[in-house]
PDB file of N, CA and C in Angstrom:
ATOM      1  N   MET A   1      36.224  34.825 110.572  1.00  0.00           N
ATOM      2  CA  MET A   1      37.004  33.762 109.999  1.00  0.00           C
ATOM      3  C   MET A   1      36.146  32.515 109.973  1.00  0.00           C
ATOM      4  N   GLU A   2      36.222  31.806 108.897  1.00  0.00           N
ATOM      5  CA  GLU A   2      35.530  30.529 108.792  1.00  0.00           C
ATOM      6  C   GLU A   2      36.563  29.426 108.744  1.00  0.00           C
ATOM      7  N   ASN A   3      36.397  28.427 109.596  1.00  0.00           N
ATOM      8  CA  ASN A   3      37.313  27.303 109.610  1.00  0.00           C
ATOM      9  C   ASN A   3      36.747  26.161 108.791  1.00  0.00           C
ATOM     10  N   PRO A   4      37.606  25.375 108.152  1.00  0.00           N
ATOM     11  CA  PRO A   4      37.131  24.264 107.339  1.00  0.00           C
ATOM     12  C   PRO A   4      36.642  23.121 108.213  1.00  0.00           C
ATOM     13  N   PRO A   5      35.908  22.180 107.606  1.00  0.00           N
ATOM     14  CA  PRO A   5      35.488  21.008 108.374  1.00  0.00           C
ATOM     15  C   PRO A   5      36.694  20.159 108.771  1.00  0.00           C
ATOM     16  N   ASP A   6      36.482  19.223 109.680  1.00  0.00           N
ATOM     17  CA  ASP A   6      37.558  18.358 110.128  1.00  0.00           C
ATOM     18  C   ASP A   6      37.904  17.363 109.020  1.00  0.00           C
ATOM     19  N   GLY A   7      39.164  17.022 108.914  1.00  0.00           N
ATOM     20  CA  GLY A   7      39.584  16.016 107.944  1.00  0.00           C
ATOM     21  C   GLY A   7      40.954  16.329 107.386  1.00  0.00           C
ATOM     22  N   PRO A   8      41.638  15.308 106.880  1.00  0.00           N
ATOM     23  CA  PRO A   8      43.010  15.493 106.412  1.00  0.00           C
ATOM     24  C   PRO A   8      43.139  16.379 105.173  1.00  0.00           C
ATOM     25  N   ALA A   9      42.103  16.534 104.400  1.00  0.00           N
ATOM     26  CA  ALA A   9      42.196  17.340 103.171  1.00  0.00           C
ATOM     27  C   ALA A   9      41.851  18.801 103.420  1.00  0.00           C
ATOM     28  N   TYR A  10      41.738  19.192 104.679  1.00  0.00           N
ATOM     29  CA  TYR A  10      41.385  20.563 105.027  1.00  0.00           C
ATOM     30  C   TYR A  10      42.500  21.158 105.878  1.00  0.00           C
ATOM     31  N   PHE A  11      43.255  22.086 105.315  1.00  0.00           N
ATOM     32  CA  PHE A  11      44.352  22.696 106.048  1.00  0.00           C
ATOM     33  C   PHE A  11      43.796  23.591 107.150  1.00  0.00           C
ATOM     34  N   ASN A  12      44.357  23.486 108.338  1.00  0.00           N
ATOM     35  CA  ASN A  12      43.941  24.205 109.537  1.00  0.00           C
ATOM     36  C   ASN A  12      42.648  23.687 110.122  1.00  0.00           C
ATOM     37  N   SER A  13      42.253  22.476 109.759  1.00  0.00           N
ATOM     38  CA  SER A  13      41.122  21.857 110.442  1.00  0.00           C
ATOM     39  C   SER A  13      41.624  21.352 111.792  1.00  0.00           C
ATOM     40  N   THR A  14      40.739  20.848 112.598  1.00  0.00           N
ATOM     41  CA  THR A  14      41.128  20.322 113.901  1.00  0.00           C
ATOM     42  C   THR A  14      42.199  19.248 113.754  1.00  0.00           C
ATOM     43  N   ARG A  15      42.093  18.444 112.718  1.00  0.00           N
ATOM     44  CA  ARG A  15      43.020  17.325 112.508  1.00  0.00           C
ATOM     45  C   ARG A  15      44.393  17.776 111.985  1.00  0.00           C
ATOM     46  N   THR A  16      44.458  18.917 111.313  1.00  0.00           N
ATOM     47  CA  THR A  16      45.710  19.348 110.686  1.00  0.00           C
ATOM     48  C   THR A  16      46.246  20.671 111.241  1.00  0.00           C
ATOM     49  N   ALA A  17      45.641  21.188 112.291  1.00  0.00           N
ATOM     50  CA  ALA A  17      46.000  22.519 112.808  1.00  0.00           C
ATOM     51  C   ALA A  17      47.451  22.614 113.255  1.00  0.00           C
ATOM     52  N   ASP A  18      48.044  21.525 113.698  1.00  0.00           N
ATOM     53  CA  ASP A  18      49.426  21.569 114.169  1.00  0.00           C
ATOM     54  C   ASP A  18      50.445  21.335 113.059  1.00  0.00           C
ATOM     55  N   MET A  19      49.990  21.193 111.826  1.00  0.00           N
ATOM     56  CA  MET A  19      50.885  20.931 110.704  1.00  0.00           C
ATOM     57  C   MET A  19      51.197  22.211 109.939  1.00  0.00           C
ATOM     58  N   THR A  20      52.379  22.247 109.347  1.00  0.00           N
ATOM     59  CA  THR A  20      52.682  23.310 108.392  1.00  0.00           C
ATOM     60  C   THR A  20      52.114  22.900 107.040  1.00  0.00           C
ATOM     61  N   GLN A  21      52.068  23.832 106.097  1.00  0.00           N
ATOM     62  CA  GLN A  21      51.603  23.487 104.748  1.00  0.00           C
ATOM     63  C   GLN A  21      52.504  22.408 104.149  1.00  0.00           C
ATOM     64  N   GLU A  22      53.789  22.507 104.393  1.00  0.00           N
ATOM     65  CA  GLU A  22      54.734  21.526 103.866  1.00  0.00           C
ATOM     66  C   GLU A  22      54.445  20.134 104.431  1.00  0.00           C
ATOM     67  N   GLN A  23      54.247  20.047 105.736  1.00  0.00           N
ATOM     68  CA  GLN A  23      53.974  18.749 106.357  1.00  0.00           C
ATOM     69  C   GLN A  23      52.689  18.140 105.812  1.00  0.00           C
ATOM     70  N   LEU A  24      51.652  18.952 105.671  1.00  0.00           N
ATOM     71  CA  LEU A  24      50.396  18.442 105.141  1.00  0.00           C
ATOM     72  C   LEU A  24      50.559  17.975 103.701  1.00  0.00           C
ATOM     73  N   ALA A  25      51.303  18.742 102.903  1.00  0.00           N
ATOM     74  CA  ALA A  25      51.512  18.367 101.498  1.00  0.00           C
ATOM     75  C   ALA A  25      52.218  17.017 101.397  1.00  0.00           C
ATOM     76  N   PHE A  26      53.235  16.784 102.229  1.00  0.00           N
ATOM     77  CA  PHE A  26      53.909  15.483 102.208  1.00  0.00           C
ATOM     78  C   PHE A  26      52.993  14.386 102.733  1.00  0.00           C
ATOM     79  N   TRP A  27      52.218  14.703 103.778  1.00  0.00           N
ATOM     80  CA  TRP A  27      51.315  13.719 104.366  1.00  0.00           C
ATOM     81  C   TRP A  27      50.277  13.257 103.352  1.00  0.00           C
ATOM     82  N   LEU A  28      49.779  14.172 102.534  1.00  0.00           N
ATOM     83  CA  LEU A  28      48.776  13.832 101.534  1.00  0.00           C
ATOM     84  C   LEU A  28      49.393  13.330 100.227  1.00  0.00           C
ATOM     85  N   GLY A  29      50.727  13.297 100.161  1.00  0.00           N
ATOM     86  CA  GLY A  29      51.413  12.804  98.965  1.00  0.00           C
ATOM     87  C   GLY A  29      51.167  11.322  98.750  1.00  0.00           C
ATOM     88  N   ASP A  30      51.663  10.800  97.637  1.00  0.00           N
ATOM     89  CA  ASP A  30      51.415   9.411  97.258  1.00  0.00           C
ATOM     90  C   ASP A  30      52.091   8.389  98.166  1.00  0.00           C
ATOM     91  N   ASP A  31      53.179   8.766  98.826  1.00  0.00           N
ATOM     92  CA  ASP A  31      53.927   7.852  99.665  1.00  0.00           C
ATOM     93  C   ASP A  31      53.482   8.022 101.112  1.00  0.00           C
ATOM     94  N   PRO A  32      52.842   7.002 101.704  1.00  0.00           N
ATOM     95  CA  PRO A  32      52.329   7.146 103.080  1.00  0.00           C
ATOM     96  C   PRO A  32      53.420   7.344 104.129  1.00  0.00           C
ATOM     97  N   ARG A  33      54.702   7.123 103.773  1.00  0.00           N
ATOM     98  CA  ARG A  33      55.787   7.341 104.726  1.00  0.00           C
ATOM     99  C   ARG A  33      56.185   8.812 104.782  1.00  0.00           C
ATOM    100  N   GLY A  34      55.577   9.653 103.929  1.00  0.00           N
ATOM    101  CA  GLY A  34      55.865  11.081 103.949  1.00  0.00           C
ATOM    102  C   GLY A  34      56.947  11.504 102.989  1.00  0.00           C
ATOM    103  N   TYR A  35      57.306  10.637 102.037  1.00  0.00           N
ATOM    104  CA  TYR A  35      58.344  10.982 101.072  1.00  0.00           C
ATOM    105  C   TYR A  35      57.769  11.238  99.686  1.00  0.00           C
ATOM    106  N   GLY A  36      56.472  11.372  99.586  1.00  0.00           N
ATOM    107  CA  GLY A  36      55.824  11.545  98.286  1.00  0.00           C
ATOM    108  C   GLY A  36      56.053  12.923  97.707  1.00  0.00           C
ATOM    109  N   ASN A  37      55.385  13.184  96.619  1.00  0.00           N
ATOM    110  CA  ASN A  37      55.486  14.457  95.912  1.00  0.00           C
ATOM    111  C   ASN A  37      54.606  15.483  96.632  1.00  0.00           C
ATOM    112  N   PRO A  38      55.211  16.506  97.267  1.00  0.00           N
ATOM    113  CA  PRO A  38      54.388  17.466  98.006  1.00  0.00           C
ATOM    114  C   PRO A  38      53.452  18.269  97.106  1.00  0.00           C
ATOM    115  N   ASP A  39      53.823  18.490  95.855  1.00  0.00           N
ATOM    116  CA  ASP A  39      52.913  19.204  94.946  1.00  0.00           C
ATOM    117  C   ASP A  39      51.646  18.402  94.716  1.00  0.00           C
ATOM    118  N   ALA A  40      51.802  17.108  94.534  1.00  0.00           N
ATOM    119  CA  ALA A  40      50.621  16.253  94.366  1.00  0.00           C
ATOM    120  C   ALA A  40      49.784  16.247  95.635  1.00  0.00           C
ATOM    121  N   GLY A  41      50.462  16.195  96.781  1.00  0.00           N
ATOM    122  CA  GLY A  41      49.732  16.214  98.048  1.00  0.00           C
ATOM    123  C   GLY A  41      48.979  17.507  98.254  1.00  0.00           C
ATOM    124  N   TRP A  42      49.608  18.650  97.950  1.00  0.00           N
ATOM    125  CA  TRP A  42      48.954  19.938  98.156  1.00  0.00           C
ATOM    126  C   TRP A  42      47.736  20.069  97.257  1.00  0.00           C
ATOM    127  N   HIS A  43      47.760  19.456  96.062  1.00  0.00           N
ATOM    128  CA  HIS A  43      46.601  19.506  95.172  1.00  0.00           C
ATOM    129  C   HIS A  43      45.418  18.726  95.736  1.00  0.00           C
ATOM    130  N   ARG A  44      45.663  17.912  96.739  1.00  0.00           N
ATOM    131  CA  ARG A  44      44.576  17.165  97.373  1.00  0.00           C
ATOM    132  C   ARG A  44      43.908  17.947  98.498  1.00  0.00           C
ATOM    133  N   VAL A  45      44.457  19.095  98.835  1.00  0.00           N
ATOM    134  CA  VAL A  45      43.834  19.931  99.860  1.00  0.00           C
ATOM    135  C   VAL A  45      42.564  20.533  99.269  1.00  0.00           C
ATOM    136  N   VAL A  46      41.465  20.311  99.945  1.00  0.00           N
ATOM    137  CA  VAL A  46      40.167  20.764  99.458  1.00  0.00           C
ATOM    138  C   VAL A  46      39.910  22.213  99.849  1.00  0.00           C
ATOM    139  N   ALA A  47      40.281  22.581 101.071  1.00  0.00           N
ATOM    140  CA  ALA A  47      39.994  23.932 101.554  1.00  0.00           C
ATOM    141  C   ALA A  47      40.867  24.238 102.750  1.00  0.00           C
ATOM    142  N   THR A  48      40.926  25.493 103.088  1.00  0.00           N
ATOM    143  CA  THR A  48      41.610  25.951 104.281  1.00  0.00           C
ATOM    144  C   THR A  48      40.726  27.020 104.913  1.00  0.00           C
ATOM    145  N   ASN A  49      41.114  27.487 106.098  1.00  0.00           N
ATOM    146  CA  ASN A  49      40.295  28.553 106.676  1.00  0.00           C
ATOM    147  C   ASN A  49      40.502  29.826 105.862  1.00  0.00           C
ATOM    148  N   HIS A  50      39.536  30.671 105.915  1.00  0.00           N
ATOM    149  CA  HIS A  50      39.649  31.940 105.198  1.00  0.00           C
ATOM    150  C   HIS A  50      38.938  33.024 105.991  1.00  0.00           C
ATOM    151  N   VAL A  51      39.317  34.220 105.694  1.00  0.00           N
ATOM    152  CA  VAL A  51      38.800  35.368 106.415  1.00  0.00           C
ATOM    153  C   VAL A  51      37.803  36.096 105.526  1.00  0.00           C
ATOM    154  N   LEU A  52      36.688  36.462 106.098  1.00  0.00           N
ATOM    155  CA  LEU A  52      35.679  37.230 105.381  1.00  0.00           C
ATOM    156  C   LEU A  52      35.753  38.672 105.870  1.00  0.00           C
ATOM    157  N   ALA A  53      36.024  39.588 104.967  1.00  0.00           N
ATOM    158  CA  ALA A  53      36.133  40.993 105.351  1.00  0.00           C
ATOM    159  C   ALA A  53      35.748  41.857 104.168  1.00  0.00           C
ATOM    160  N   ASP A  54      35.164  42.992 104.467  1.00  0.00           N
ATOM    161  CA  ASP A  54      34.845  43.966 103.426  1.00  0.00           C
ATOM    162  C   ASP A  54      36.033  44.895 103.242  1.00  0.00           C
ATOM    163  N   PRO A  55      36.234  45.402 102.031  1.00  0.00           N
ATOM    164  CA  PRO A  55      37.300  46.391 101.832  1.00  0.00           C
ATOM    165  C   PRO A  55      37.034  47.631 102.685  1.00  0.00           C
ATOM    166  N   ILE A  56      38.102  48.300 103.113  1.00  0.00           N
ATOM    167  CA  ILE A  56      37.903  49.507 103.903  1.00  0.00           C
ATOM    168  C   ILE A  56      37.307  50.599 103.020  1.00  0.00           C
ATOM    169  N   ALA A  57      36.532  51.444 103.634  1.00  0.00           N
ATOM    170  CA  ALA A  57      35.732  52.420 102.896  1.00  0.00           C
ATOM    171  C   ALA A  57      36.552  53.450 102.133  1.00  0.00           C
ATOM    172  N   ASP A  58      37.675  53.906 102.697  1.00  0.00           N
ATOM    173  CA  ASP A  58      38.403  54.985 102.024  1.00  0.00           C
ATOM    174  C   ASP A  58      39.602  54.489 101.209  1.00  0.00           C
ATOM    175  N   ALA A  59      39.530  53.248 100.746  1.00  0.00           N
ATOM    176  CA  ALA A  59      40.617  52.720  99.913  1.00  0.00           C
ATOM    177  C   ALA A  59      40.740  53.556  98.639  1.00  0.00           C
ATOM    178  N   PRO A  60      41.952  53.703  98.127  1.00  0.00           N
ATOM    179  CA  PRO A  60      42.107  54.445  96.876  1.00  0.00           C
ATOM    180  C   PRO A  60      41.268  53.819  95.763  1.00  0.00           C
ATOM    181  N   ARG A  61      40.791  54.655  94.877  1.00  0.00           N
ATOM    182  CA  ARG A  61      39.924  54.196  93.787  1.00  0.00           C
ATOM    183  C   ARG A  61      40.606  53.073  92.999  1.00  0.00           C
ATOM    184  N   GLY A  62      39.849  52.008  92.753  1.00  0.00           N
ATOM    185  CA  GLY A  62      40.367  50.883  91.996  1.00  0.00           C
ATOM    186  C   GLY A  62      41.183  49.893  92.810  1.00  0.00           C
ATOM    187  N   ARG A  63      41.299  50.110  94.114  1.00  0.00           N
ATOM    188  CA  ARG A  63      42.059  49.214  94.985  1.00  0.00           C
ATOM    189  C   ARG A  63      41.138  48.615  96.034  1.00  0.00           C
ATOM    190  N   ALA A  64      41.281  47.343  96.316  1.00  0.00           N
ATOM    191  CA  ALA A  64      40.568  46.699  97.415  1.00  0.00           C
ATOM    192  C   ALA A  64      41.583  46.520  98.538  1.00  0.00           C
ATOM    193  N   VAL A  65      41.393  47.221  99.646  1.00  0.00           N
ATOM    194  CA  VAL A  65      42.334  47.189 100.765  1.00  0.00           C
ATOM    195  C   VAL A  65      41.618  46.594 101.975  1.00  0.00           C
ATOM    196  N   PHE A  66      42.274  45.620 102.603  1.00  0.00           N
ATOM    197  CA  PHE A  66      41.730  44.949 103.773  1.00  0.00           C
ATOM    198  C   PHE A  66      42.730  45.048 104.908  1.00  0.00           C
ATOM    199  N   ALA A  67      42.257  45.150 106.129  1.00  0.00           N
ATOM    200  CA  ALA A  67      43.110  45.100 107.313  1.00  0.00           C
ATOM    201  C   ALA A  67      42.424  44.186 108.315  1.00  0.00           C
ATOM    202  N   LEU A  68      43.167  43.221 108.840  1.00  0.00           N
ATOM    203  CA  LEU A  68      42.600  42.221 109.732  1.00  0.00           C
ATOM    204  C   LEU A  68      43.381  42.164 111.024  1.00  0.00           C
ATOM    205  N   CYS A  69      42.685  41.862 112.104  1.00  0.00           N
ATOM    206  CA  CYS A  69      43.320  41.683 113.400  1.00  0.00           C
ATOM    207  C   CYS A  69      42.925  40.291 113.895  1.00  0.00           C
ATOM    208  N   TYR A  70      43.910  39.413 114.058  1.00  0.00           N
ATOM    209  CA  TYR A  70      43.641  38.063 114.510  1.00  0.00           C
ATOM    210  C   TYR A  70      43.632  38.001 116.023  1.00  0.00           C
ATOM    211  N   GLY A  71      42.807  37.136 116.559  1.00  0.00           N
ATOM    212  CA  GLY A  71      42.752  36.944 118.000  1.00  0.00           C
ATOM    213  C   GLY A  71      41.499  36.185 118.366  1.00  0.00           C
ATOM    214  N   PRO A  72      41.364  35.841 119.639  1.00  0.00           N
ATOM    215  CA  PRO A  72      40.215  35.042 120.055  1.00  0.00           C
ATOM    216  C   PRO A  72      38.887  35.796 119.989  1.00  0.00           C
ATOM    217  N   GLU A  73      38.920  37.099 120.096  1.00  0.00           N
ATOM    218  CA  GLU A  73      37.695  37.900 120.055  1.00  0.00           C
ATOM    219  C   GLU A  73      37.776  38.891 118.895  1.00  0.00           C
ATOM    220  N   PRO A  74      36.676  39.126 118.192  1.00  0.00           N
ATOM    221  CA  PRO A  74      36.704  40.141 117.143  1.00  0.00           C
ATOM    222  C   PRO A  74      37.029  41.511 117.724  1.00  0.00           C
ATOM    223  N   VAL A  75      37.864  42.253 117.030  1.00  0.00           N
ATOM    224  CA  VAL A  75      38.265  43.579 117.481  1.00  0.00           C
ATOM    225  C   VAL A  75      37.942  44.570 116.372  1.00  0.00           C
ATOM    226  N   ALA A  76      37.142  45.556 116.700  1.00  0.00           N
ATOM    227  CA  ALA A  76      36.875  46.621 115.727  1.00  0.00           C
ATOM    228  C   ALA A  76      37.964  47.674 115.893  1.00  0.00           C
ATOM    229  N   PHE A  77      38.516  48.140 114.798  1.00  0.00           N
ATOM    230  CA  PHE A  77      39.542  49.175 114.876  1.00  0.00           C
ATOM    231  C   PHE A  77      39.448  50.050 113.642  1.00  0.00           C
ATOM    232  N   GLU A  78      39.919  51.268 113.799  1.00  0.00           N
ATOM    233  CA  GLU A  78      39.885  52.216 112.686  1.00  0.00           C
ATOM    234  C   GLU A  78      41.046  51.935 111.756  1.00  0.00           C
ATOM    235  N   VAL A  79      40.764  52.033 110.472  1.00  0.00           N
ATOM    236  CA  VAL A  79      41.791  51.811 109.463  1.00  0.00           C
ATOM    237  C   VAL A  79      41.553  52.784 108.312  1.00  0.00           C
ATOM    238  N   SER A  80      42.638  53.281 107.770  1.00  0.00           N
ATOM    239  CA  SER A  80      42.525  54.175 106.619  1.00  0.00           C
ATOM    240  C   SER A  80      43.598  53.808 105.614  1.00  0.00           C
ATOM    241  N   ALA A  81      43.385  54.197 104.383  1.00  0.00           N
ATOM    242  CA  ALA A  81      44.364  53.917 103.327  1.00  0.00           C
ATOM    243  C   ALA A  81      44.405  55.086 102.373  1.00  0.00           C
ATOM    244  N   ASP A  82      45.602  55.363 101.885  1.00  0.00           N
ATOM    245  CA  ASP A  82      45.731  56.403 100.863  1.00  0.00           C
ATOM    246  C   ASP A  82      46.830  55.996  99.893  1.00  0.00           C
ATOM    247  N   GLU A  83      46.675  56.460  98.671  1.00  0.00           N
ATOM    248  CA  GLU A  83      47.663  56.160  97.642  1.00  0.00           C
ATOM    249  C   GLU A  83      48.852  57.097  97.805  1.00  0.00           C
ATOM    250  N   VAL A  84      50.045  56.531  97.778  1.00  0.00           N
ATOM    251  CA  VAL A  84      51.278  57.300  97.844  1.00  0.00           C
ATOM    252  C   VAL A  84      52.127  56.909  96.637  1.00  0.00           C
ATOM    253  N   GLN A  85      53.221  57.596  96.440  1.00  0.00           N
ATOM    254  CA  GLN A  85      54.048  57.359  95.265  1.00  0.00           C
ATOM    255  C   GLN A  85      54.501  55.893  95.144  1.00  0.00           C
ATOM    256  N   ASP A  86      54.815  55.255  96.281  1.00  0.00           N
ATOM    257  CA  ASP A  86      55.348  53.900  96.260  1.00  0.00           C
ATOM    258  C   ASP A  86      54.299  52.800  96.377  1.00  0.00           C
ATOM    259  N   GLY A  87      53.012  53.157  96.448  1.00  0.00           N
ATOM    260  CA  GLY A  87      51.973  52.140  96.579  1.00  0.00           C
ATOM    261  C   GLY A  87      50.794  52.646  97.375  1.00  0.00           C
ATOM    262  N   VAL A  88      50.346  51.856  98.326  1.00  0.00           N
ATOM    263  CA  VAL A  88      49.220  52.219  99.194  1.00  0.00           C
ATOM    264  C   VAL A  88      49.706  52.165 100.636  1.00  0.00           C
ATOM    265  N   ARG A  89      49.431  53.244 101.383  1.00  0.00           N
ATOM    266  CA  ARG A  89      49.779  53.298 102.804  1.00  0.00           C
ATOM    267  C   ARG A  89      48.518  52.989 103.601  1.00  0.00           C
ATOM    268  N   VAL A  90      48.624  52.034 104.516  1.00  0.00           N
ATOM    269  CA  VAL A  90      47.515  51.623 105.372  1.00  0.00           C
ATOM    270  C   VAL A  90      47.888  51.987 106.801  1.00  0.00           C
ATOM    271  N   ARG A  91      46.954  52.633 107.513  1.00  0.00           N
ATOM    272  CA  ARG A  91      47.201  53.029 108.905  1.00  0.00           C
ATOM    273  C   ARG A  91      46.123  52.444 109.805  1.00  0.00           C
ATOM    274  N   THR A  92      46.562  51.890 110.927  1.00  0.00           N
ATOM    275  CA  THR A  92      45.667  51.403 111.975  1.00  0.00           C
ATOM    276  C   THR A  92      46.266  51.850 113.303  1.00  0.00           C
ATOM    277  N   PRO A  93      45.554  51.662 114.415  1.00  0.00           N
ATOM    278  CA  PRO A  93      46.147  51.971 115.712  1.00  0.00           C
ATOM    279  C   PRO A  93      47.297  51.018 116.070  1.00  0.00           C
ATOM    280  N   PHE A  94      47.368  49.865 115.404  1.00  0.00           N
ATOM    281  CA  PHE A  94      48.336  48.833 115.748  1.00  0.00           C
ATOM    282  C   PHE A  94      49.568  48.815 114.840  1.00  0.00           C
ATOM    283  N   PHE A  95      49.417  49.242 113.601  1.00  0.00           N
ATOM    284  CA  PHE A  95      50.527  49.219 112.653  1.00  0.00           C
ATOM    285  C   PHE A  95      50.260  50.175 111.506  1.00  0.00           C
ATOM    286  N   ALA A  96      51.312  50.488 110.803  1.00  0.00           N
ATOM    287  CA  ALA A  96      51.208  51.218 109.540  1.00  0.00           C
ATOM    288  C   ALA A  96      51.933  50.360 108.512  1.00  0.00           C
ATOM    289  N   ALA A  97      51.432  50.324 107.298  1.00  0.00           N
ATOM    290  CA  ALA A  97      52.040  49.478 106.276  1.00  0.00           C
ATOM    291  C   ALA A  97      52.097  50.202 104.942  1.00  0.00           C
ATOM    292  N   LEU A  98      53.142  49.923 104.208  1.00  0.00           N
ATOM    293  CA  LEU A  98      53.237  50.359 102.825  1.00  0.00           C
ATOM    294  C   LEU A  98      53.156  49.107 101.981  1.00  0.00           C
ATOM    295  N   VAL A  99      52.142  49.031 101.152  1.00  0.00           N
ATOM    296  CA  VAL A  99      51.957  47.906 100.241  1.00  0.00           C
ATOM    297  C   VAL A  99      52.348  48.406  98.864  1.00  0.00           C
ATOM    298  N   GLY A 100      53.426  47.867  98.330  1.00  0.00           N
ATOM    299  CA  GLY A 100      53.953  48.338  97.056  1.00  0.00           C
ATOM    300  C   GLY A 100      53.126  47.914  95.861  1.00  0.00           C
ATOM    301  N   HIS A 101      53.544  48.347  94.695  1.00  0.00           N
ATOM    302  CA  HIS A 101      52.884  48.032  93.438  1.00  0.00           C
ATOM    303  C   HIS A 101      52.864  46.515  93.235  1.00  0.00           C
ATOM    304  N   PRO A 102      51.771  45.961  92.665  1.00  0.00           N
ATOM    305  CA  PRO A 102      51.704  44.511  92.462  1.00  0.00           C
ATOM    306  C   PRO A 102      52.846  43.948  91.612  1.00  0.00           C
ATOM    307  N   ALA A 103      53.437  44.757  90.732  1.00  0.00           N
ATOM    308  CA  ALA A 103      54.551  44.281  89.903  1.00  0.00           C
ATOM    309  C   ALA A 103      55.844  44.176  90.699  1.00  0.00           C
ATOM    310  N   GLY A 104      55.873  44.720  91.901  1.00  0.00           N
ATOM    311  CA  GLY A 104      57.073  44.656  92.723  1.00  0.00           C
ATOM    312  C   GLY A 104      58.008  45.819  92.453  1.00  0.00           C
ATOM    313  N   ASP A 105      59.190  45.725  93.035  1.00  0.00           N
ATOM    314  CA  ASP A 105      60.184  46.785  92.850  1.00  0.00           C
ATOM    315  C   ASP A 105      60.906  46.582  91.512  1.00  0.00           C
ATOM    316  N   VAL A 106      61.995  47.287  91.302  1.00  0.00           N
ATOM    317  CA  VAL A 106      62.703  47.185  90.022  1.00  0.00           C
ATOM    318  C   VAL A 106      63.215  45.776  89.762  1.00  0.00           C
ATOM    319  N   GLY A 107      63.416  44.990  90.814  1.00  0.00           N
ATOM    320  CA  GLY A 107      63.848  43.602  90.661  1.00  0.00           C
ATOM    321  C   GLY A 107      62.688  42.620  90.649  1.00  0.00           C
ATOM    322  N   GLY A 108      61.445  43.129  90.686  1.00  0.00           N
ATOM    323  CA  GLY A 108      60.276  42.261  90.685  1.00  0.00           C
ATOM    324  C   GLY A 108      59.906  41.716  92.053  1.00  0.00           C
ATOM    325  N   GLU A 109      60.606  42.147  93.106  1.00  0.00           N
ATOM    326  CA  GLU A 109      60.307  41.681  94.452  1.00  0.00           C
ATOM    327  C   GLU A 109      59.133  42.467  95.029  1.00  0.00           C
ATOM    328  N   PRO A 110      58.176  41.785  95.678  1.00  0.00           N
ATOM    329  CA  PRO A 110      57.064  42.499  96.295  1.00  0.00           C
ATOM    330  C   PRO A 110      57.553  43.402  97.425  1.00  0.00           C
ATOM    331  N   VAL A 111      56.870  44.513  97.612  1.00  0.00           N
ATOM    332  CA  VAL A 111      57.245  45.457  98.658  1.00  0.00           C
ATOM    333  C   VAL A 111      56.133  45.488  99.713  1.00  0.00           C
ATOM    334  N   LEU A 112      56.513  45.207 100.936  1.00  0.00           N
ATOM    335  CA  LEU A 112      55.614  45.338 102.074  1.00  0.00           C
ATOM    336  C   LEU A 112      56.465  45.797 103.244  1.00  0.00           C
ATOM    337  N   ARG A 113      56.171  46.987 103.720  1.00  0.00           N
ATOM    338  CA  ARG A 113      56.906  47.524 104.872  1.00  0.00           C
ATOM    339  C   ARG A 113      55.912  47.756 106.000  1.00  0.00           C
ATOM    340  N   ILE A 114      56.191  47.177 107.153  1.00  0.00           N
ATOM    341  CA  ILE A 114      55.335  47.310 108.332  1.00  0.00           C
ATOM    342  C   ILE A 114      56.107  48.126 109.366  1.00  0.00           C
ATOM    343  N   ALA A 115      55.413  49.054 110.024  1.00  0.00           N
ATOM    344  CA  ALA A 115      56.043  49.884 111.056  1.00  0.00           C
ATOM    345  C   ALA A 115      55.052  50.128 112.178  1.00  0.00           C
ATOM    346  N   ALA A 116      55.570  50.535 113.314  1.00  0.00           N
ATOM    347  CA  ALA A 116      54.709  50.956 114.408  1.00  0.00           C
ATOM    348  C   ALA A 116      53.983  52.219 113.976  1.00  0.00           C
ATOM    349  N   PRO A 117      52.782  52.423 114.489  1.00  0.00           N
ATOM    350  CA  PRO A 117      52.014  53.615 114.049  1.00  0.00           C
ATOM    351  C   PRO A 117      52.665  54.928 114.423  1.00  0.00           C
TER     352      PRO A 117
END
């Protein structure tokens, strides 16, 4: 994981780590009292932390599948993925997930089901 530099325009920096995205958006809005336009404020965010990871090796063809474990120390763990009728099933020692089709279900809602392994 790479963290952004310190400063108010960097979400999850040392200065903004205790804020939600909503709080930061209002804080960076036009009104210094926090009543400004949060959309305008969010557009002032320069960067946030991001995770660098390679796709897992056995991902279904044409799919980029990633599995991450957050914590203070990097943890290597086995992960596999296979295509199933409802999407892509991802298995790890910590969880199993069904990631549905990008178009969502019949109502257009995204599908993500997490279960114990």
